[in-house]
Amino acid sequence: MISDLYRRWLLELWNGDFDLARRLVTPGFAGHWPGQEVSGPEGLIEALRQAHEPFDDVKVTLDVGPIVDGDLVSARWTFGGAYRGGLPGATAASGTRIAFSGHDILRAHEGRFAEYWVISDAQTFMRQLDIG
């Protein structure tokens, strides 16, 4: 069921079980972030590692959904963690707690995700890390 697949995507994969990408997405997976395109399970794993790298104690929670419409699923989530440093332009102290929300839309194909679109609250993220 697509809603169960999404829960694994968000609550397991995004909370650190990156190898799960090889089972949850198709070989031709296409991920669309603002300003970044990701291809295949290995590209997704690298994007996840990069997203987690500047943070300790990452916790991603499901806020709304998942909402299923045919082969599409959408949801609202919150990403939280403790900043450990390393983001260009960020002046927040190491250990600063951050949390920001976003929305996912994914397209499923034969029991796995084939395509992903995401948008997140970049203004809140940048304000919390004092990125000018």
N, C-alpha and C. Protein backbone atom coordinates (compact mmCIF):
# COMPACT_ATOMS: atom_id res chain seq x y z
N MET A 1 0.85 -1.19 0.00
CA MET A 1 0.00 0.00 0.00
C MET A 1 0.89 1.25 0.00
N ILE A 2 0.53 2.21 -0.81
CA ILE A 2 1.37 3.39 -1.01
C ILE A 2 1.54 4.21 0.28
N SER A 3 0.52 4.26 1.15
CA SER A 3 0.67 5.02 2.40
C SER A 3 1.70 4.36 3.32
N ASP A 4 1.75 3.03 3.33
CA ASP A 4 2.76 2.32 4.12
C ASP A 4 4.16 2.55 3.54
N LEU A 5 4.26 2.55 2.22
CA LEU A 5 5.53 2.82 1.56
C LEU A 5 6.02 4.22 1.94
N TYR A 6 5.11 5.17 1.96
CA TYR A 6 5.50 6.54 2.32
C TYR A 6 5.97 6.61 3.77
N ARG A 7 5.29 5.94 4.66
CA ARG A 7 5.72 5.97 6.07
C ARG A 7 7.14 5.41 6.21
N ARG A 8 7.46 4.36 5.48
CA ARG A 8 8.83 3.83 5.50
C ARG A 8 9.80 4.87 4.93
N TRP A 9 9.41 5.52 3.83
CA TRP A 9 10.21 6.57 3.20
C TRP A 9 10.56 7.65 4.23
N LEU A 10 9.55 8.16 4.91
CA LEU A 10 9.77 9.29 5.80
C LEU A 10 10.35 8.87 7.16
N LEU A 11 9.71 7.90 7.79
CA LEU A 11 10.04 7.60 9.18
C LEU A 11 11.23 6.66 9.35
N GLU A 12 11.59 5.91 8.32
CA GLU A 12 12.76 5.04 8.39
C GLU A 12 13.92 5.62 7.56
N LEU A 13 13.68 5.80 6.27
CA LEU A 13 14.73 6.29 5.37
C LEU A 13 15.26 7.65 5.82
N TRP A 14 14.36 8.63 5.99
CA TRP A 14 14.78 9.99 6.34
C TRP A 14 15.28 10.10 7.77
N ASN A 15 15.00 9.12 8.60
CA ASN A 15 15.53 9.12 9.96
C ASN A 15 16.82 8.34 10.08
N GLY A 16 17.45 8.01 8.94
CA GLY A 16 18.80 7.49 8.99
C GLY A 16 19.07 6.14 8.37
N ASP A 17 18.05 5.38 7.98
CA ASP A 17 18.27 4.08 7.34
C ASP A 17 18.43 4.28 5.84
N PHE A 18 19.53 4.93 5.45
CA PHE A 18 19.73 5.34 4.06
C PHE A 18 19.77 4.16 3.08
N ASP A 19 20.29 3.01 3.50
CA ASP A 19 20.36 1.86 2.61
C ASP A 19 18.98 1.38 2.17
N LEU A 20 17.95 1.73 2.92
CA LEU A 20 16.59 1.38 2.57
C LEU A 20 16.19 1.96 1.21
N ALA A 21 16.88 3.00 0.76
CA ALA A 21 16.59 3.61 -0.54
C ALA A 21 16.64 2.57 -1.66
N ARG A 22 17.54 1.62 -1.54
CA ARG A 22 17.67 0.60 -2.59
C ARG A 22 16.42 -0.27 -2.72
N ARG A 23 15.62 -0.33 -1.68
CA ARG A 23 14.39 -1.13 -1.72
C ARG A 23 13.14 -0.27 -1.95
N LEU A 24 13.23 1.02 -1.62
CA LEU A 24 12.04 1.87 -1.71
C LEU A 24 11.88 2.62 -3.03
N VAL A 25 12.98 2.80 -3.77
CA VAL A 25 12.88 3.56 -5.02
C VAL A 25 13.31 2.70 -6.21
N THR A 26 12.82 3.08 -7.36
CA THR A 26 13.14 2.37 -8.60
C THR A 26 14.58 2.70 -9.04
N PRO A 27 15.16 1.84 -9.88
CA PRO A 27 16.50 2.14 -10.40
C PRO A 27 16.55 3.48 -11.15
N GLY A 28 15.46 3.86 -11.79
CA GLY A 28 15.41 5.12 -12.53
C GLY A 28 14.83 6.28 -11.73
N PHE A 29 14.79 6.15 -10.42
CA PHE A 29 14.24 7.18 -9.54
C PHE A 29 14.77 8.57 -9.91
N ALA A 30 13.85 9.56 -9.90
CA ALA A 30 14.21 10.96 -10.14
C ALA A 30 13.70 11.79 -8.97
N GLY A 31 14.61 12.46 -8.28
CA GLY A 31 14.26 13.33 -7.17
C GLY A 31 14.45 14.78 -7.57
N HIS A 32 13.45 15.60 -7.29
CA HIS A 32 13.47 17.00 -7.70
C HIS A 32 13.41 17.90 -6.46
N TRP A 33 14.55 18.41 -6.05
CA TRP A 33 14.65 19.42 -5.00
C TRP A 33 14.79 20.76 -5.68
N PRO A 34 14.40 21.87 -5.04
CA PRO A 34 14.69 23.17 -5.64
C PRO A 34 16.20 23.32 -5.87
N GLY A 35 16.61 23.46 -7.10
CA GLY A 35 18.01 23.65 -7.43
C GLY A 35 18.85 22.38 -7.46
N GLN A 36 18.24 21.22 -7.33
CA GLN A 36 19.01 19.97 -7.33
C GLN A 36 18.17 18.83 -7.89
N GLU A 37 18.75 18.08 -8.78
CA GLU A 37 18.13 16.87 -9.33
C GLU A 37 18.94 15.67 -8.86
N VAL A 38 18.27 14.60 -8.49
CA VAL A 38 18.91 13.39 -7.97
C VAL A 38 18.42 12.21 -8.78
N SER A 39 19.34 11.29 -9.12
CA SER A 39 18.98 10.13 -9.93
C SER A 39 19.34 8.83 -9.22
N GLY A 40 18.39 7.88 -9.25
CA GLY A 40 18.62 6.53 -8.75
C GLY A 40 18.78 6.44 -7.26
N PRO A 41 18.79 5.22 -6.74
CA PRO A 41 18.94 5.01 -5.30
C PRO A 41 20.25 5.58 -4.74
N GLU A 42 21.34 5.43 -5.48
CA GLU A 42 22.63 5.92 -4.97
C GLU A 42 22.65 7.45 -4.90
N GLY A 43 22.05 8.11 -5.86
CA GLY A 43 21.94 9.57 -5.80
C GLY A 43 21.11 10.02 -4.62
N LEU A 44 20.03 9.28 -4.35
CA LEU A 44 19.18 9.59 -3.20
C LEU A 44 19.95 9.41 -1.90
N ILE A 45 20.69 8.32 -1.78
CA ILE A 45 21.48 8.07 -0.57
C ILE A 45 22.47 9.20 -0.34
N GLU A 46 23.13 9.66 -1.39
CA GLU A 46 24.09 10.76 -1.25
C GLU A 46 23.37 12.05 -0.83
N ALA A 47 22.21 12.33 -1.39
CA ALA A 47 21.45 13.52 -1.02
C ALA A 47 21.04 13.46 0.45
N LEU A 48 20.63 12.27 0.91
CA LEU A 48 20.26 12.11 2.32
C LEU A 48 21.46 12.33 3.23
N ARG A 49 22.60 11.78 2.87
CA ARG A 49 23.81 11.97 3.67
C ARG A 49 24.16 13.46 3.76
N GLN A 50 24.07 14.16 2.65
CA GLN A 50 24.37 15.59 2.64
C GLN A 50 23.39 16.38 3.51
N ALA A 51 22.11 15.99 3.47
CA ALA A 51 21.10 16.69 4.27
C ALA A 51 21.32 16.47 5.77
N HIS A 52 21.80 15.29 6.14
CA HIS A 52 22.01 14.97 7.55
C HIS A 52 23.36 15.44 8.07
N GLU A 53 24.35 15.58 7.20
CA GLU A 53 25.73 15.86 7.60
C GLU A 53 25.89 17.00 8.62
N PRO A 54 25.23 18.16 8.43
CA PRO A 54 25.46 19.26 9.36
C PRO A 54 24.71 19.14 10.69
N PHE A 55 24.04 18.01 10.92
CA PHE A 55 23.17 17.90 12.10
C PHE A 55 23.41 16.62 12.89
N ASP A 56 23.25 16.73 14.19
CA ASP A 56 23.19 15.58 15.08
C ASP A 56 21.74 15.41 15.51
N ASP A 57 21.43 14.24 16.01
CA ASP A 57 20.12 13.99 16.61
C ASP A 57 18.97 14.34 15.66
N VAL A 58 19.09 13.95 14.38
CA VAL A 58 18.05 14.24 13.40
C VAL A 58 16.80 13.41 13.70
N LYS A 59 15.67 14.09 13.65
CA LYS A 59 14.38 13.42 13.81
C LYS A 59 13.42 14.03 12.80
N VAL A 60 12.87 13.18 11.92
CA VAL A 60 11.89 13.62 10.95
C VAL A 60 10.54 13.03 11.36
N THR A 61 9.54 13.88 11.44
CA THR A 61 8.21 13.45 11.88
C THR A 61 7.18 13.74 10.80
N LEU A 62 6.14 12.95 10.80
CA LEU A 62 5.01 13.11 9.88
C LEU A 62 3.98 13.99 10.55
N ASP A 63 3.61 15.10 9.89
CA ASP A 63 2.65 16.06 10.46
C ASP A 63 1.25 15.89 9.88
N VAL A 64 1.16 15.71 8.55
CA VAL A 64 -0.14 15.57 7.88
C VAL A 64 0.02 14.52 6.79
N GLY A 65 -0.96 13.63 6.71
CA GLY A 65 -0.96 12.62 5.67
C GLY A 65 -0.43 11.30 6.17
N PRO A 66 -0.07 10.47 5.24
CA PRO A 66 -0.01 10.69 3.80
C PRO A 66 -1.40 10.71 3.15
N ILE A 67 -1.49 11.49 2.10
CA ILE A 67 -2.71 11.61 1.31
C ILE A 67 -2.43 10.95 -0.03
N VAL A 68 -3.24 9.96 -0.38
CA VAL A 68 -3.01 9.17 -1.58
C VAL A 68 -4.06 9.50 -2.63
N ASP A 69 -3.59 9.66 -3.87
CA ASP A 69 -4.46 9.87 -5.02
C ASP A 69 -3.88 9.07 -6.18
N GLY A 70 -4.42 7.89 -6.43
CA GLY A 70 -3.90 7.02 -7.48
C GLY A 70 -2.48 6.59 -7.16
N ASP A 71 -1.54 6.90 -8.06
CA ASP A 71 -0.14 6.52 -7.84
C ASP A 71 0.67 7.63 -7.16
N LEU A 72 -0.03 8.70 -6.70
CA LEU A 72 0.63 9.82 -6.04
C LEU A 72 0.33 9.83 -4.54
N VAL A 73 1.32 10.25 -3.77
CA VAL A 73 1.15 10.41 -2.33
C VAL A 73 1.77 11.73 -1.92
N SER A 74 1.13 12.42 -0.98
CA SER A 74 1.69 13.67 -0.48
C SER A 74 1.58 13.70 1.04
N ALA A 75 2.41 14.54 1.65
CA ALA A 75 2.39 14.66 3.10
C ALA A 75 3.15 15.91 3.51
N ARG A 76 2.95 16.30 4.76
CA ARG A 76 3.71 17.40 5.39
C ARG A 76 4.53 16.79 6.52
N TRP A 77 5.77 17.25 6.65
CA TRP A 77 6.70 16.70 7.63
C TRP A 77 7.46 17.81 8.33
N THR A 78 8.16 17.46 9.41
CA THR A 78 9.08 18.38 10.09
C THR A 78 10.42 17.68 10.26
N PHE A 79 11.48 18.39 9.92
CA PHE A 79 12.87 17.94 10.10
C PHE A 79 13.44 18.72 11.27
N GLY A 80 13.99 18.01 12.25
CA GLY A 80 14.60 18.68 13.39
C GLY A 80 15.96 18.07 13.70
N GLY A 81 16.81 18.86 14.34
CA GLY A 81 18.12 18.36 14.73
C GLY A 81 18.94 19.43 15.43
N ALA A 82 20.15 19.07 15.81
CA ALA A 82 21.08 19.99 16.46
C ALA A 82 22.19 20.30 15.46
N TYR A 83 22.36 21.58 15.16
CA TYR A 83 23.37 22.01 14.19
C TYR A 83 24.76 21.71 14.73
N ARG A 84 25.57 21.08 13.89
CA ARG A 84 26.96 20.80 14.32
C ARG A 84 27.98 21.64 13.57
N GLY A 85 27.52 22.43 12.60
CA GLY A 85 28.42 23.31 11.88
C GLY A 85 28.67 22.84 10.47
N GLY A 86 29.33 23.71 9.70
CA GLY A 86 29.76 23.33 8.36
C GLY A 86 28.97 23.88 7.20
N LEU A 87 27.85 24.55 7.46
CA LEU A 87 27.10 25.10 6.33
C LEU A 87 27.63 26.49 5.98
N PRO A 88 27.98 26.71 4.71
CA PRO A 88 28.49 28.02 4.30
C PRO A 88 27.52 29.14 4.66
N GLY A 89 28.04 30.18 5.28
CA GLY A 89 27.24 31.35 5.62
C GLY A 89 26.50 31.25 6.93
N ALA A 90 26.43 30.08 7.54
CA ALA A 90 25.71 29.92 8.81
C ALA A 90 26.57 30.40 9.96
N THR A 91 25.99 31.24 10.82
CA THR A 91 26.73 31.75 11.98
C THR A 91 26.16 31.23 13.30
N ALA A 92 25.14 30.38 13.23
CA ALA A 92 24.57 29.80 14.45
C ALA A 92 25.61 28.96 15.16
N ALA A 93 25.53 28.95 16.47
CA ALA A 93 26.47 28.18 17.29
C ALA A 93 26.22 26.68 17.12
N SER A 94 27.27 25.93 17.22
CA SER A 94 27.15 24.47 17.24
C SER A 94 26.23 24.08 18.40
N GLY A 95 25.34 23.15 18.14
CA GLY A 95 24.38 22.73 19.15
C GLY A 95 23.03 23.42 19.05
N THR A 96 22.92 24.46 18.21
CA THR A 96 21.65 25.15 18.02
C THR A 96 20.61 24.18 17.49
N ARG A 97 19.47 24.11 18.16
CA ARG A 97 18.37 23.24 17.71
C ARG A 97 17.62 23.93 16.59
N ILE A 98 17.33 23.18 15.53
CA ILE A 98 16.55 23.72 14.41
C ILE A 98 15.38 22.78 14.14
N ALA A 99 14.35 23.34 13.53
CA ALA A 99 13.20 22.55 13.05
C ALA A 99 12.54 23.35 11.94
N PHE A 100 12.24 22.68 10.85
CA PHE A 100 11.54 23.32 9.75
C PHE A 100 10.66 22.27 9.08
N SER A 101 9.64 22.74 8.38
CA SER A 101 8.66 21.84 7.77
C SER A 101 8.77 21.86 6.26
N GLY A 102 8.16 20.87 5.64
CA GLY A 102 8.12 20.80 4.19
C GLY A 102 7.02 19.87 3.72
N HIS A 103 6.91 19.77 2.40
CA HIS A 103 5.88 18.94 1.77
C HIS A 103 6.52 18.04 0.72
N ASP A 104 6.05 16.83 0.67
CA ASP A 104 6.48 15.84 -0.31
C ASP A 104 5.34 15.49 -1.24
N ILE A 105 5.68 15.22 -2.49
CA ILE A 105 4.80 14.53 -3.43
C ILE A 105 5.67 13.45 -4.07
N LEU A 106 5.19 12.22 -4.05
CA LEU A 106 5.92 11.12 -4.67
C LEU A 106 4.99 10.35 -5.60
N ARG A 107 5.59 9.82 -6.68
CA ARG A 107 4.85 8.97 -7.62
C ARG A 107 5.38 7.55 -7.49
N ALA A 108 4.46 6.63 -7.26
CA ALA A 108 4.83 5.22 -7.11
C ALA A 108 4.69 4.50 -8.45
N HIS A 109 5.55 3.49 -8.62
CA HIS A 109 5.49 2.63 -9.80
C HIS A 109 5.91 1.23 -9.38
N GLU A 110 5.00 0.28 -9.54
CA GLU A 110 5.25 -1.12 -9.22
C GLU A 110 5.81 -1.31 -7.81
N GLY A 111 5.17 -0.66 -6.84
CA GLY A 111 5.50 -0.87 -5.44
C GLY A 111 6.70 -0.11 -4.90
N ARG A 112 7.27 0.77 -5.72
CA ARG A 112 8.39 1.61 -5.27
C ARG A 112 8.18 3.03 -5.77
N PHE A 113 8.93 3.96 -5.20
CA PHE A 113 8.81 5.34 -5.66
C PHE A 113 9.71 5.57 -6.86
N ALA A 114 9.13 6.21 -7.87
CA ALA A 114 9.84 6.50 -9.11
C ALA A 114 10.20 7.98 -9.24
N GLU A 115 9.42 8.84 -8.57
CA GLU A 115 9.67 10.26 -8.71
C GLU A 115 9.29 10.98 -7.42
N TYR A 116 10.01 12.07 -7.13
CA TYR A 116 9.88 12.79 -5.87
C TYR A 116 10.01 14.28 -6.11
N TRP A 117 9.07 15.04 -5.53
CA TRP A 117 9.13 16.50 -5.53
C TRP A 117 9.04 16.95 -4.09
N VAL A 118 9.88 17.88 -3.70
CA VAL A 118 9.88 18.36 -2.32
C VAL A 118 10.02 19.87 -2.30
N ILE A 119 9.40 20.47 -1.32
CA ILE A 119 9.57 21.89 -1.06
C ILE A 119 9.60 22.04 0.46
N SER A 120 10.52 22.86 0.94
CA SER A 120 10.62 23.04 2.39
C SER A 120 10.71 24.53 2.74
N ASP A 121 10.53 24.81 4.00
CA ASP A 121 10.51 26.18 4.51
C ASP A 121 11.94 26.69 4.68
N ALA A 122 12.53 27.11 3.58
CA ALA A 122 13.92 27.57 3.57
C ALA A 122 14.11 28.83 4.42
N GLN A 123 13.11 29.70 4.49
CA GLN A 123 13.24 30.92 5.28
C GLN A 123 13.44 30.60 6.76
N THR A 124 12.64 29.68 7.29
CA THR A 124 12.79 29.30 8.69
C THR A 124 14.14 28.64 8.92
N PHE A 125 14.54 27.75 8.03
CA PHE A 125 15.82 27.07 8.12
C PHE A 125 16.97 28.09 8.17
N MET A 126 16.96 29.04 7.24
CA MET A 126 18.04 30.02 7.15
C MET A 126 18.02 30.96 8.37
N ARG A 127 16.86 31.35 8.83
CA ARG A 127 16.77 32.22 10.00
C ARG A 127 17.33 31.52 11.25
N GLN A 128 16.99 30.24 11.43
CA GLN A 128 17.46 29.52 12.60
C GLN A 128 18.97 29.33 12.62
N LEU A 129 19.58 29.25 11.42
CA LEU A 129 21.03 29.07 11.34
C LEU A 129 21.77 30.39 11.10
N ASP A 130 21.06 31.50 11.16
CA ASP A 130 21.64 32.83 10.94
C ASP A 130 22.41 32.90 9.63
N ILE A 131 21.77 32.41 8.57
CA ILE A 131 22.37 32.49 7.24
C ILE A 131 21.89 33.78 6.62
N GLY A 132 22.83 34.68 6.34
CA GLY A 132 22.51 36.01 5.83
C GLY A 132 22.07 35.98 4.44
